């Protein structure tokens, strides 16, 4: 859960901005997130991440939410017209979690 780890490292850096271990942790998380975002992750890494994500109660809740189901459907069918959803912080946070 690189996104949660990144948040934790960033919270630590607020307390100790020069902590090398925290700075290295941020770099590792950003590199891993970037690897997945750019498609550079291995097939095994992607498969493992997908399995772990589907067992996450928060992800399950997002996918069961009727509002989010509609938003996701609209994003697939007509991405341009669904841009209004992306302006809502709560919706954007849920989409980021799914990504």
C-alpha atoms as a PDB file:
ATOM      1  CA  UNK A   1       0.000   0.000   0.000  1.00  0.00           C
ATOM      2  CA  UNK A   2       2.411   2.569  -1.310  1.00  0.00           C
ATOM      3  CA  UNK A   3      -0.065   5.433  -1.024  1.00  0.00           C
ATOM      4  CA  UNK A   4      -0.545   4.843   2.711  1.00  0.00           C
ATOM      5  CA  UNK A   5       3.180   4.387   3.238  1.00  0.00           C
ATOM      6  CA  UNK A   6       3.837   7.652   1.402  1.00  0.00           C
ATOM      7  CA  UNK A   7       1.364   9.493   3.637  1.00  0.00           C
ATOM      8  CA  UNK A   8       3.063   8.056   6.710  1.00  0.00           C
ATOM      9  CA  UNK A   9       6.529   9.079   5.536  1.00  0.00           C
ATOM     10  CA  UNK A  10       5.264  12.569   4.731  1.00  0.00           C
ATOM     11  CA  UNK A  11       3.701  12.882   8.187  1.00  0.00           C
ATOM     12  CA  UNK A  12       7.047  11.896   9.690  1.00  0.00           C
ATOM     13  CA  UNK A  13       8.847  14.486   7.588  1.00  0.00           C
ATOM     14  CA  UNK A  14       6.633  17.189   9.066  1.00  0.00           C
ATOM     15  CA  UNK A  15       8.146  16.292  12.432  1.00  0.00           C
ATOM     16  CA  UNK A  16      11.686  15.574  11.215  1.00  0.00           C
ATOM     17  CA  UNK A  17      12.230  17.226   7.813  1.00  0.00           C
ATOM     18  CA  UNK A  18      15.874  16.147   7.526  1.00  0.00           C
ATOM     19  CA  UNK A  19      15.426  12.479   8.501  1.00  0.00           C
ATOM     20  CA  UNK A  20      17.287  10.469   5.842  1.00  0.00           C
ATOM     21  CA  UNK A  21      15.309   7.272   6.462  1.00  0.00           C
ATOM     22  CA  UNK A  22      12.021   9.099   5.904  1.00  0.00           C
ATOM     23  CA  UNK A  23      13.350  10.850   2.799  1.00  0.00           C
ATOM     24  CA  UNK A  24      14.508   7.505   1.349  1.00  0.00           C
ATOM     25  CA  UNK A  25      11.110   5.991   2.153  1.00  0.00           C
ATOM     26  CA  UNK A  26       9.377   8.758   0.219  1.00  0.00           C
ATOM     27  CA  UNK A  27      11.686   8.133  -2.749  1.00  0.00           C
ATOM     28  CA  UNK A  28      10.993   4.371  -2.686  1.00  0.00           C
ATOM     29  CA  UNK A  29       7.228   4.931  -2.533  1.00  0.00           C
ATOM     30  CA  UNK A  30       7.236   7.497  -5.334  1.00  0.00           C
ATOM     31  CA  UNK A  31       9.364   5.172  -7.489  1.00  0.00           C
ATOM     32  CA  UNK A  32       7.021   2.242  -6.882  1.00  0.00           C
ATOM     33  CA  UNK A  33       3.898   4.303  -7.561  1.00  0.00           C
ATOM     34  CA  UNK A  34       5.500   5.647 -10.724  1.00  0.00           C
ATOM     35  CA  UNK A  35       6.448   2.133 -11.840  1.00  0.00           C
ATOM     36  CA  UNK A  36       2.804   1.050 -11.629  1.00  0.00           C
ATOM     37  CA  UNK A  37       1.476   4.278 -13.178  1.00  0.00           C
ATOM     38  CA  UNK A  38       3.758   4.016 -16.210  1.00  0.00           C
ATOM     39  CA  UNK A  39       3.169   0.305 -16.743  1.00  0.00           C
ATOM     40  CA  UNK A  40       6.759  -0.613 -15.867  1.00  0.00           C
ATOM     41  CA  UNK A  41       5.726  -3.011 -13.087  1.00  0.00           C
ATOM     42  CA  UNK A  42       6.082  -6.712 -13.774  1.00  0.00           C
ATOM     43  CA  UNK A  43       3.032  -8.856 -14.467  1.00  0.00           C
ATOM     44  CA  UNK A  44       3.530 -10.615 -11.128  1.00  0.00           C
ATOM     45  CA  UNK A  45       3.663  -7.290  -9.268  1.00  0.00           C
ATOM     46  CA  UNK A  46       0.477  -6.126 -10.964  1.00  0.00           C
ATOM     47  CA  UNK A  47      -1.321  -9.404 -10.246  1.00  0.00           C
ATOM     48  CA  UNK A  48      -0.269  -9.315  -6.584  1.00  0.00           C
ATOM     49  CA  UNK A  49      -1.329  -5.688  -6.206  1.00  0.00           C
ATOM     50  CA  UNK A  50      -4.718  -6.374  -7.801  1.00  0.00           C
ATOM     51  CA  UNK A  51      -5.353  -9.321  -5.474  1.00  0.00           C
ATOM     52  CA  UNK A  52      -4.374  -7.267  -2.425  1.00  0.00           C
ATOM     53  CA  UNK A  53      -6.536  -4.360  -3.576  1.00  0.00           C
ATOM     54  CA  UNK A  54      -9.615  -6.510  -4.035  1.00  0.00           C
ATOM     55  CA  UNK A  55      -9.285  -7.753  -0.451  1.00  0.00           C
ATOM     56  CA  UNK A  56      -9.147  -4.169   0.871  1.00  0.00           C
ATOM     57  CA  UNK A  57     -12.475  -3.330   2.575  1.00  0.00           C
ATOM     58  CA  UNK A  58     -12.214   0.290   1.432  1.00  0.00           C
ATOM     59  CA  UNK A  59     -11.884  -0.759  -2.224  1.00  0.00           C
ATOM     60  CA  UNK A  60     -14.771  -3.190  -1.839  1.00  0.00           C
ATOM     61  CA  UNK A  61     -16.922  -0.419  -0.371  1.00  0.00           C
ATOM     62  CA  UNK A  62     -16.072   1.950  -3.220  1.00  0.00           C
ATOM     63  CA  UNK A  63     -16.935  -0.675  -5.817  1.00  0.00           C
ATOM     64  CA  UNK A  64     -20.265  -1.452  -4.115  1.00  0.00           C
ATOM     65  CA  UNK A  65     -21.268   2.207  -3.816  1.00  0.00           C
ATOM     66  CA  UNK A  66     -24.043   2.882  -6.380  1.00  0.00           C
ATOM     67  CA  UNK A  67     -22.893   6.483  -6.882  1.00  0.00           C
ATOM     68  CA  UNK A  68     -19.349   5.344  -7.633  1.00  0.00           C
ATOM     69  CA  UNK A  69     -20.649   2.623  -9.959  1.00  0.00           C
ATOM     70  CA  UNK A  70     -22.404   5.330 -11.977  1.00  0.00           C
ATOM     71  CA  UNK A  71     -19.332   7.570 -11.938  1.00  0.00           C
ATOM     72  CA  UNK A  72     -17.081   4.731 -13.122  1.00  0.00           C
ATOM     73  CA  UNK A  73     -19.563   3.779 -15.838  1.00  0.00           C
ATOM     74  CA  UNK A  74     -19.723   7.390 -17.047  1.00  0.00           C
ATOM     75  CA  UNK A  75     -15.926   7.629 -17.046  1.00  0.00           C
ATOM     76  CA  UNK A  76     -15.791   4.598 -19.337  1.00  0.00           C
ATOM     77  CA  UNK A  77     -18.613   5.612 -21.639  1.00  0.00           C
ATOM     78  CA  UNK A  78     -17.934   9.325 -21.985  1.00  0.00           C
ATOM     79  CA  UNK A  79     -14.786  10.574 -20.253  1.00  0.00           C
ATOM     80  CA  UNK A  80     -15.197  14.192 -21.347  1.00  0.00           C
ATOM     81  CA  UNK A  81     -18.686  14.652 -19.996  1.00  0.00           C
ATOM     82  CA  UNK A  82     -17.767  13.054 -16.693  1.00  0.00           C
ATOM     83  CA  UNK A  83     -15.069  15.613 -15.866  1.00  0.00           C
ATOM     84  CA  UNK A  84     -17.495  17.246 -13.429  1.00  0.00           C
ATOM     85  CA  UNK A  85     -17.124  14.226 -11.141  1.00  0.00           C
ATOM     86  CA  UNK A  86     -13.378  14.698 -10.974  1.00  0.00           C
ATOM     87  CA  UNK A  87     -13.856  18.173  -9.523  1.00  0.00           C
ATOM     88  CA  UNK A  88     -15.432  16.673  -6.408  1.00  0.00           C
ATOM     89  CA  UNK A  89     -12.686  15.913  -3.851  1.00  0.00           C
ATOM     90  CA  UNK A  90     -14.516  12.905  -2.372  1.00  0.00           C
ATOM     91  CA  UNK A  91     -15.016  11.289  -5.790  1.00  0.00           C
ATOM     92  CA  UNK A  92     -11.442  12.055  -6.817  1.00  0.00           C
ATOM     93  CA  UNK A  93     -10.094  10.496  -3.589  1.00  0.00           C
ATOM     94  CA  UNK A  94     -12.066   7.314  -4.246  1.00  0.00           C
ATOM     95  CA  UNK A  95     -10.870   7.122  -7.844  1.00  0.00           C
ATOM     96  CA  UNK A  96      -7.290   7.616  -6.679  1.00  0.00           C
ATOM     97  CA  UNK A  97      -7.753   4.779  -4.208  1.00  0.00           C
ATOM     98  CA  UNK A  98      -8.960   2.511  -6.987  1.00  0.00           C
ATOM     99  CA  UNK A  99      -6.103   3.497  -9.242  1.00  0.00           C
END
